[in-house]
Structure formats: structure tokens, C-alpha cells
């Protein structure tokens, strides 16, 4: 067989997945003091920015499926970090005092990962990487929505 695979250096999916495995390790390490996966901190920080919010709002902002946010919100409510209130098909999420205490730790973790990624990528490199990832995400989302 003379044809060699080039996906190692040409496939966006393979490269992004490889990158995400390393980024996930970094995030797990940095957010370990919260006792929860990093995604829970991002939900809590998004609520901190605008409190309260609906599951639909969080799903849209964070790019998770509605069912994923709903499942994660239940876990946060079970830990008394948020309150859930229901009105028809809408679920409103609101921070609790315990949630505000959790956020003190999560925000320190966030600063640590920001510092680490700035060191690894350089401040300008990090900014460009995030912009490129947002652009790539938006393009894929639009393509996937149009082809649904």
C-alpha cells in the first residue's frame, strides 16, 4: 500500500479532537478544587453574569443541548448550588448562597486556566486561537443547521 494517510496533519476533526483531549486534561486539573467537571463551573459563571436564566438561555449561550443543561441543572440543584423553578415548559435557574460560595472557587480556577493558556499560547496567540475557534464553531453550526 503506497498511499499514506494524511489526516494527522490535514483533518480538522482529528486535530480538534486531539487538541480537546489535552485541553480537557488541563481543565479537569484546574477545576478540580470545585469537585465537579469544568462544564458545571461554566454554567455557574454564566448564571453569575446574568441571574436568573432559563435552561434555553444557557443552552444557547454555552452550545449544549437543552437536555444536557437540564441534566446538569438537576445535579447543581441537588447540591443546592442553584434553585430551579418551573413554569409550563420553561425552567428558570437561579443562584443560591451556596452557589455564590462555589463561584468563589470556580472563579479562582478560571483565572488559573486563563493564566496557563496565556503562557502556553501567548496572550495574542490565545486571543487569535479563541477567535478562530469561534469562527469555526459558527460555520459548522450554520452548516449543520442548514443540512438538518
N, C-alpha and C. Protein backbone atom coordinates (compact mmCIF):
# COMPACT_ATOMS: atom_id res chain seq x y z
N UNK A 1 0.84 -1.18 0.00
CA UNK A 1 0.00 0.00 0.00
C UNK A 1 0.89 1.24 0.00
N UNK A 2 0.79 2.02 -1.05
CA UNK A 2 1.67 3.17 -1.18
C UNK A 2 1.03 4.47 -0.68
N UNK A 3 -0.29 4.53 -0.62
CA UNK A 3 -0.96 5.75 -0.15
C UNK A 3 -0.87 5.83 1.37
N UNK A 4 -0.34 6.93 1.83
CA UNK A 4 -0.24 7.14 3.28
C UNK A 4 -1.33 8.10 3.70
N UNK A 5 -1.85 7.86 4.87
CA UNK A 5 -2.87 8.76 5.41
C UNK A 5 -2.24 10.08 5.82
N UNK A 6 -2.99 11.14 5.61
CA UNK A 6 -2.50 12.48 5.97
C UNK A 6 -3.37 13.15 7.03
N UNK A 7 -4.38 12.41 7.54
CA UNK A 7 -5.30 13.04 8.49
C UNK A 7 -4.60 13.59 9.73
N UNK A 8 -3.42 13.06 10.05
CA UNK A 8 -2.67 13.54 11.21
C UNK A 8 -2.43 15.05 11.15
N UNK A 9 -2.26 15.54 9.93
CA UNK A 9 -1.93 16.96 9.75
C UNK A 9 -2.91 17.73 8.88
N UNK A 10 -3.96 17.06 8.38
CA UNK A 10 -4.89 17.75 7.48
C UNK A 10 -6.35 17.69 7.92
N UNK A 11 -6.70 16.84 8.84
CA UNK A 11 -8.11 16.64 9.20
C UNK A 11 -8.50 17.53 10.38
N UNK A 12 -9.42 18.48 10.15
CA UNK A 12 -9.86 19.36 11.25
C UNK A 12 -10.48 18.58 12.40
N UNK A 13 -11.27 17.55 12.09
CA UNK A 13 -11.90 16.77 13.16
C UNK A 13 -10.84 16.10 14.03
N UNK A 14 -9.90 15.39 13.41
CA UNK A 14 -8.86 14.69 14.17
C UNK A 14 -8.05 15.67 15.01
N UNK A 15 -7.64 16.78 14.40
CA UNK A 15 -6.81 17.77 15.09
C UNK A 15 -7.56 18.40 16.25
N UNK A 16 -8.83 18.77 16.02
CA UNK A 16 -9.63 19.37 17.09
C UNK A 16 -9.85 18.39 18.23
N UNK A 17 -10.10 17.13 17.91
CA UNK A 17 -10.32 16.12 18.95
C UNK A 17 -9.04 15.90 19.76
N UNK A 18 -7.93 15.88 19.09
CA UNK A 18 -6.63 15.71 19.76
C UNK A 18 -6.37 16.89 20.70
N UNK A 19 -6.62 18.10 20.19
CA UNK A 19 -6.48 19.32 20.99
C UNK A 19 -7.40 19.27 22.21
N UNK A 20 -8.66 18.89 21.98
CA UNK A 20 -9.64 18.87 23.08
C UNK A 20 -9.29 17.85 24.16
N UNK A 21 -8.68 16.75 23.79
CA UNK A 21 -8.27 15.78 24.82
C UNK A 21 -7.24 16.42 25.76
N UNK A 22 -6.31 17.16 25.21
CA UNK A 22 -5.31 17.83 26.05
C UNK A 22 -5.93 18.99 26.84
N UNK A 23 -6.80 19.75 26.19
CA UNK A 23 -7.46 20.87 26.87
C UNK A 23 -8.34 20.34 28.01
N UNK A 24 -9.00 19.22 27.79
CA UNK A 24 -9.84 18.62 28.83
C UNK A 24 -9.00 18.23 30.05
N UNK A 25 -7.83 17.66 29.81
CA UNK A 25 -6.93 17.32 30.92
C UNK A 25 -6.56 18.57 31.73
N UNK A 26 -6.23 19.65 31.01
CA UNK A 26 -5.88 20.90 31.66
C UNK A 26 -7.06 21.45 32.46
N UNK A 27 -8.24 21.44 31.87
CA UNK A 27 -9.43 21.96 32.55
C UNK A 27 -9.78 21.12 33.78
N UNK A 28 -9.72 19.80 33.64
CA UNK A 28 -10.02 18.92 34.78
C UNK A 28 -9.07 19.22 35.95
N UNK A 29 -7.80 19.39 35.62
CA UNK A 29 -6.80 19.69 36.65
C UNK A 29 -7.08 21.04 37.31
N UNK A 30 -7.37 22.05 36.49
CA UNK A 30 -7.57 23.40 37.03
C UNK A 30 -8.86 23.54 37.80
N UNK A 31 -9.92 22.84 37.38
CA UNK A 31 -11.21 22.95 38.07
C UNK A 31 -11.41 21.88 39.14
N UNK A 32 -10.41 21.06 39.41
CA UNK A 32 -10.52 20.02 40.44
C UNK A 32 -10.97 20.56 41.80
N UNK A 33 -10.51 21.75 42.22
CA UNK A 33 -10.94 22.25 43.54
C UNK A 33 -12.46 22.44 43.68
N UNK A 34 -13.19 22.52 42.57
CA UNK A 34 -14.65 22.67 42.66
C UNK A 34 -15.33 21.35 42.99
N UNK A 35 -14.64 20.24 42.74
CA UNK A 35 -15.23 18.93 42.97
C UNK A 35 -16.20 18.52 41.86
N UNK A 36 -16.24 19.27 40.79
CA UNK A 36 -17.15 18.98 39.68
C UNK A 36 -16.42 19.17 38.35
N UNK A 37 -17.00 18.61 37.31
CA UNK A 37 -16.44 18.79 35.97
C UNK A 37 -16.47 20.27 35.59
N UNK A 38 -15.55 20.73 34.77
CA UNK A 38 -15.48 22.14 34.39
C UNK A 38 -16.78 22.72 33.84
N UNK A 39 -17.54 21.94 33.10
CA UNK A 39 -18.78 22.44 32.50
C UNK A 39 -19.73 23.00 33.54
N UNK A 40 -19.75 22.43 34.74
CA UNK A 40 -20.62 22.94 35.80
C UNK A 40 -20.19 24.35 36.22
N UNK A 41 -18.90 24.58 36.26
CA UNK A 41 -18.40 25.92 36.58
C UNK A 41 -18.82 26.93 35.52
N UNK A 42 -18.78 26.51 34.24
CA UNK A 42 -19.18 27.43 33.18
C UNK A 42 -20.67 27.76 33.26
N UNK A 43 -21.48 26.80 33.62
CA UNK A 43 -22.91 27.08 33.83
C UNK A 43 -23.07 28.08 34.97
N UNK A 44 -22.38 27.83 36.06
CA UNK A 44 -22.50 28.70 37.23
C UNK A 44 -21.98 30.11 36.92
N UNK A 45 -20.87 30.22 36.20
CA UNK A 45 -20.33 31.54 35.86
C UNK A 45 -21.27 32.29 34.91
N UNK A 46 -21.92 31.56 34.01
CA UNK A 46 -22.88 32.19 33.11
C UNK A 46 -24.08 32.70 33.90
N UNK A 47 -24.50 31.95 34.90
CA UNK A 47 -25.57 32.42 35.80
C UNK A 47 -25.11 33.63 36.61
N UNK A 48 -23.87 33.63 37.01
CA UNK A 48 -23.34 34.76 37.76
C UNK A 48 -23.40 36.04 36.92
N UNK A 49 -23.16 35.91 35.63
CA UNK A 49 -23.20 37.06 34.73
C UNK A 49 -24.62 37.61 34.56
N UNK A 50 -25.59 36.72 34.57
CA UNK A 50 -26.99 37.12 34.43
C UNK A 50 -27.85 36.12 35.21
N UNK A 51 -28.35 36.56 36.33
CA UNK A 51 -29.06 35.69 37.26
C UNK A 51 -30.44 36.26 37.53
N UNK A 52 -31.49 35.51 37.30
CA UNK A 52 -31.61 34.12 36.84
C UNK A 52 -31.60 34.02 35.31
N UNK A 53 -31.58 32.78 34.83
CA UNK A 53 -31.66 32.49 33.40
C UNK A 53 -32.46 31.21 33.19
N UNK A 54 -32.98 31.06 31.98
CA UNK A 54 -33.67 29.82 31.65
C UNK A 54 -32.68 28.79 31.12
N UNK A 55 -33.12 27.56 31.11
CA UNK A 55 -32.30 26.50 30.51
C UNK A 55 -32.07 26.79 29.04
N UNK A 56 -33.09 27.29 28.35
CA UNK A 56 -32.92 27.64 26.93
C UNK A 56 -31.85 28.70 26.73
N UNK A 57 -31.83 29.72 27.61
CA UNK A 57 -30.80 30.76 27.52
C UNK A 57 -29.40 30.15 27.67
N UNK A 58 -29.24 29.32 28.68
CA UNK A 58 -27.93 28.70 28.92
C UNK A 58 -27.53 27.78 27.77
N UNK A 59 -28.48 27.03 27.27
CA UNK A 59 -28.21 26.13 26.15
C UNK A 59 -27.69 26.91 24.95
N UNK A 60 -28.34 28.02 24.66
CA UNK A 60 -27.94 28.85 23.53
C UNK A 60 -26.56 29.47 23.75
N UNK A 61 -26.32 30.01 24.93
CA UNK A 61 -25.04 30.68 25.21
C UNK A 61 -23.87 29.71 25.25
N UNK A 62 -24.09 28.52 25.82
CA UNK A 62 -22.99 27.59 26.05
C UNK A 62 -22.83 26.54 24.95
N UNK A 63 -23.84 26.40 24.09
CA UNK A 63 -23.72 25.44 23.00
C UNK A 63 -23.98 24.01 23.39
N UNK A 64 -24.61 23.79 24.54
CA UNK A 64 -25.01 22.44 24.96
C UNK A 64 -26.46 22.20 24.59
N UNK A 65 -26.82 20.94 24.36
CA UNK A 65 -28.21 20.60 24.13
C UNK A 65 -29.04 20.95 25.37
N UNK A 66 -30.29 21.27 25.14
CA UNK A 66 -31.24 21.58 26.22
C UNK A 66 -31.25 20.45 27.26
N UNK A 67 -31.27 19.20 26.79
CA UNK A 67 -31.33 18.07 27.71
C UNK A 67 -30.07 17.97 28.58
N UNK A 68 -28.93 18.34 28.03
CA UNK A 68 -27.67 18.32 28.80
C UNK A 68 -27.71 19.37 29.89
N UNK A 69 -28.12 20.60 29.55
CA UNK A 69 -28.22 21.66 30.56
C UNK A 69 -29.23 21.26 31.63
N UNK A 70 -30.33 20.67 31.22
CA UNK A 70 -31.37 20.24 32.16
C UNK A 70 -30.82 19.21 33.14
N UNK A 71 -30.09 18.23 32.64
CA UNK A 71 -29.49 17.19 33.49
C UNK A 71 -28.46 17.79 34.44
N UNK A 72 -27.64 18.68 33.93
CA UNK A 72 -26.61 19.30 34.76
C UNK A 72 -27.23 20.23 35.80
N UNK A 73 -28.30 20.93 35.42
CA UNK A 73 -29.00 21.81 36.37
C UNK A 73 -29.57 21.00 37.52
N UNK A 74 -30.08 19.81 37.22
CA UNK A 74 -30.61 18.96 38.29
C UNK A 74 -29.52 18.62 39.30
N UNK A 75 -28.34 18.30 38.79
CA UNK A 75 -27.22 17.98 39.68
C UNK A 75 -26.83 19.21 40.51
N UNK A 76 -26.79 20.38 39.89
CA UNK A 76 -26.47 21.60 40.63
C UNK A 76 -27.54 21.91 41.67
N UNK A 77 -28.80 21.66 41.34
CA UNK A 77 -29.89 21.87 42.30
C UNK A 77 -29.80 20.86 43.44
N UNK A 78 -29.46 19.61 43.13
CA UNK A 78 -29.30 18.58 44.17
C UNK A 78 -28.21 18.96 45.16
N UNK A 79 -27.19 19.68 44.67
CA UNK A 79 -26.10 20.14 45.54
C UNK A 79 -26.42 21.50 46.17
N UNK A 80 -27.65 21.99 45.92
CA UNK A 80 -28.14 23.26 46.46
C UNK A 80 -27.33 24.47 46.02
N UNK A 81 -26.74 24.37 44.82
CA UNK A 81 -25.98 25.49 44.26
C UNK A 81 -26.88 26.42 43.45
N UNK A 82 -28.00 25.89 42.97
CA UNK A 82 -28.99 26.68 42.25
C UNK A 82 -30.38 26.27 42.70
N UNK A 83 -31.34 27.13 42.42
CA UNK A 83 -32.75 26.81 42.58
C UNK A 83 -33.35 26.70 41.19
N UNK A 84 -34.24 25.72 41.02
CA UNK A 84 -34.97 25.58 39.76
C UNK A 84 -36.43 25.92 40.03
N UNK A 85 -37.01 26.73 39.16
CA UNK A 85 -38.45 26.97 39.24
C UNK A 85 -39.03 26.67 37.87
N UNK A 86 -40.23 26.11 37.87
CA UNK A 86 -40.85 25.62 36.65
C UNK A 86 -42.12 26.39 36.36
N UNK A 87 -42.27 26.79 35.10
CA UNK A 87 -43.48 27.46 34.65
C UNK A 87 -43.80 26.91 33.26
N UNK A 88 -44.74 25.99 33.20
CA UNK A 88 -45.02 25.32 31.93
C UNK A 88 -43.82 24.54 31.47
N UNK A 89 -43.34 24.83 30.27
CA UNK A 89 -42.18 24.12 29.73
C UNK A 89 -40.88 24.89 29.96
N UNK A 90 -40.95 25.98 30.71
CA UNK A 90 -39.77 26.81 30.97
C UNK A 90 -39.23 26.52 32.36
N UNK A 91 -37.94 26.33 32.44
CA UNK A 91 -37.26 26.14 33.71
C UNK A 91 -36.32 27.31 33.93
N UNK A 92 -36.52 27.99 35.04
CA UNK A 92 -35.69 29.14 35.40
C UNK A 92 -34.69 28.68 36.46
N UNK A 93 -33.43 29.06 36.28
CA UNK A 93 -32.36 28.69 37.21
C UNK A 93 -31.84 29.94 37.89
N UNK A 94 -31.60 29.82 39.20
CA UNK A 94 -31.16 30.96 40.00
C UNK A 94 -30.11 30.50 41.00
N UNK A 95 -29.09 31.32 41.17
CA UNK A 95 -28.02 31.01 42.13
C UNK A 95 -28.54 31.05 43.57
N UNK A 96 -27.94 30.21 44.40
CA UNK A 96 -28.20 30.23 45.84
C UNK A 96 -26.96 30.79 46.54
N UNK A 97 -27.05 30.97 47.84
CA UNK A 97 -25.90 31.41 48.63
C UNK A 97 -24.76 30.39 48.50
N UNK A 98 -25.11 29.09 48.54
CA UNK A 98 -24.10 28.04 48.36
C UNK A 98 -23.46 28.14 46.97
N UNK A 99 -24.29 28.50 45.98
CA UNK A 99 -23.77 28.69 44.63
C UNK A 99 -22.78 29.83 44.54
N UNK A 100 -23.06 30.90 45.27
CA UNK A 100 -22.13 32.04 45.29
C UNK A 100 -20.81 31.63 45.93
N UNK A 101 -20.87 30.78 46.94
CA UNK A 101 -19.63 30.28 47.56
C UNK A 101 -18.86 29.38 46.59
N UNK A 102 -19.58 28.53 45.86
CA UNK A 102 -18.97 27.68 44.84
C UNK A 102 -18.24 28.55 43.80
N UNK A 103 -18.89 29.66 43.42
CA UNK A 103 -18.32 30.54 42.40
C UNK A 103 -17.02 31.20 42.84
N UNK A 104 -16.84 31.41 44.13
CA UNK A 104 -15.57 31.96 44.61
C UNK A 104 -14.43 31.03 44.22
N UNK A 105 -14.64 29.74 44.36
CA UNK A 105 -13.63 28.74 44.00
C UNK A 105 -13.53 28.64 42.48
N UNK A 106 -14.68 28.56 41.79
CA UNK A 106 -14.69 28.40 40.33
C UNK A 106 -13.99 29.58 39.64
N UNK A 107 -14.19 30.78 40.15
CA UNK A 107 -13.56 31.95 39.53
C UNK A 107 -12.04 31.95 39.71
N UNK A 108 -11.56 31.44 40.83
CA UNK A 108 -10.11 31.28 41.01
C UNK A 108 -9.59 30.25 40.01
N UNK A 109 -10.32 29.16 39.85
CA UNK A 109 -9.93 28.13 38.88
C UNK A 109 -9.90 28.70 37.47
N UNK A 110 -10.88 29.52 37.14
CA UNK A 110 -10.95 30.14 35.83
C UNK A 110 -9.73 31.03 35.58
N UNK A 111 -9.35 31.78 36.57
CA UNK A 111 -8.16 32.65 36.44
C UNK A 111 -6.90 31.81 36.21
N UNK A 112 -6.81 30.66 36.90
CA UNK A 112 -5.65 29.79 36.74
C UNK A 112 -5.56 29.24 35.31
N UNK A 113 -6.68 28.80 34.78
CA UNK A 113 -6.64 28.25 33.41
C UNK A 113 -6.38 29.36 32.40
N UNK A 114 -6.88 30.55 32.66
CA UNK A 114 -6.59 31.70 31.79
C UNK A 114 -5.10 32.00 31.78
N UNK A 115 -4.47 31.97 32.95
CA UNK A 115 -3.03 32.23 33.05
C UNK A 115 -2.23 31.14 32.33
N UNK A 116 -2.63 29.89 32.54
CA UNK A 116 -1.91 28.78 31.91
C UNK A 116 -2.00 28.86 30.39
N UNK A 117 -3.21 29.09 29.87
CA UNK A 117 -3.35 29.14 28.41
C UNK A 117 -2.65 30.36 27.82
N UNK A 118 -2.62 31.47 28.56
CA UNK A 118 -1.88 32.65 28.08
C UNK A 118 -0.39 32.35 28.01
N UNK A 119 0.10 31.58 28.97
CA UNK A 119 1.51 31.19 28.97
C UNK A 119 1.81 30.24 27.81
N UNK A 120 0.94 29.26 27.60
CA UNK A 120 1.16 28.26 26.56
C UNK A 120 1.07 28.88 25.16
N UNK A 121 0.04 29.69 24.92
CA UNK A 121 -0.23 30.21 23.58
C UNK A 121 0.30 31.62 23.37
N UNK A 122 0.67 32.31 24.43
CA UNK A 122 0.97 33.72 24.35
C UNK A 122 -0.35 34.47 24.36
N UNK A 123 -0.34 35.69 24.88
CA UNK A 123 -1.59 36.45 25.01
C UNK A 123 -2.26 36.67 23.65
N UNK A 124 -1.50 37.12 22.67
CA UNK A 124 -2.07 37.36 21.33
C UNK A 124 -2.43 36.05 20.64
N UNK A 125 -1.61 35.04 20.82
CA UNK A 125 -1.89 33.73 20.22
C UNK A 125 -3.16 33.12 20.77
N UNK A 126 -3.36 33.28 22.07
CA UNK A 126 -4.57 32.77 22.71
C UNK A 126 -5.80 33.49 22.17
N UNK A 127 -5.71 34.80 22.08
CA UNK A 127 -6.83 35.59 21.56
C UNK A 127 -7.17 35.16 20.13
N UNK A 128 -6.16 34.98 19.30
CA UNK A 128 -6.38 34.57 17.91
C UNK A 128 -6.98 33.16 17.85
N UNK A 129 -6.48 32.26 18.68
CA UNK A 129 -7.00 30.89 18.72
C UNK A 129 -8.48 30.88 19.07
N UNK A 130 -8.85 31.64 20.10
CA UNK A 130 -10.26 31.69 20.51
C UNK A 130 -11.11 32.28 19.39
N UNK A 131 -10.64 33.34 18.75
CA UNK A 131 -11.40 33.93 17.64
C UNK A 131 -11.57 32.92 16.50
N UNK A 132 -10.50 32.19 16.18
CA UNK A 132 -10.57 31.18 15.12
C UNK A 132 -11.53 30.05 15.49
N UNK A 133 -11.50 29.63 16.74
CA UNK A 133 -12.41 28.57 17.19
C UNK A 133 -13.86 29.01 17.14
N UNK A 134 -14.12 30.25 17.55
CA UNK A 134 -15.49 30.79 17.50
C UNK A 134 -15.97 30.84 16.04
N UNK A 135 -15.12 31.30 15.15
CA UNK A 135 -15.47 31.37 13.73
C UNK A 135 -15.74 29.97 13.17
N UNK A 136 -14.88 29.02 13.52
CA UNK A 136 -15.06 27.64 13.03
C UNK A 136 -16.34 27.04 13.59
N UNK A 137 -16.60 27.26 14.87
CA UNK A 137 -17.83 26.76 15.50
C UNK A 137 -19.06 27.34 14.81
N UNK A 138 -19.05 28.65 14.59
CA UNK A 138 -20.19 29.31 13.95
C UNK A 138 -20.44 28.76 12.55
N UNK A 139 -19.37 28.55 11.80
CA UNK A 139 -19.51 27.99 10.45
C UNK A 139 -20.07 26.58 10.47
N UNK A 140 -19.57 25.76 11.38
CA UNK A 140 -20.08 24.39 11.48
C UNK A 140 -21.53 24.37 11.94
N UNK A 141 -21.86 25.21 12.91
CA UNK A 141 -23.24 25.25 13.42
C UNK A 141 -24.19 25.66 12.30
N UNK A 142 -23.81 26.68 11.54
CA UNK A 142 -24.65 27.14 10.43
C UNK A 142 -24.80 26.03 9.40
N UNK A 143 -23.71 25.36 9.05
CA UNK A 143 -23.76 24.27 8.08
C UNK A 143 -24.64 23.13 8.58
N UNK A 144 -24.48 22.76 9.83
CA UNK A 144 -25.27 21.66 10.40
C UNK A 144 -26.74 22.01 10.51
N UNK A 145 -27.03 23.26 10.81
CA UNK A 145 -28.43 23.71 10.89
C UNK A 145 -29.06 23.70 9.50
N UNK A 146 -28.33 24.16 8.50
CA UNK A 146 -28.85 24.20 7.13
C UNK A 146 -29.04 22.81 6.54
N UNK A 147 -28.25 21.85 7.00
CA UNK A 147 -28.32 20.49 6.44
C UNK A 147 -29.13 19.53 7.31
N UNK A 148 -29.84 20.06 8.28
CA UNK A 148 -30.64 19.20 9.17
C UNK A 148 -31.88 18.71 8.49
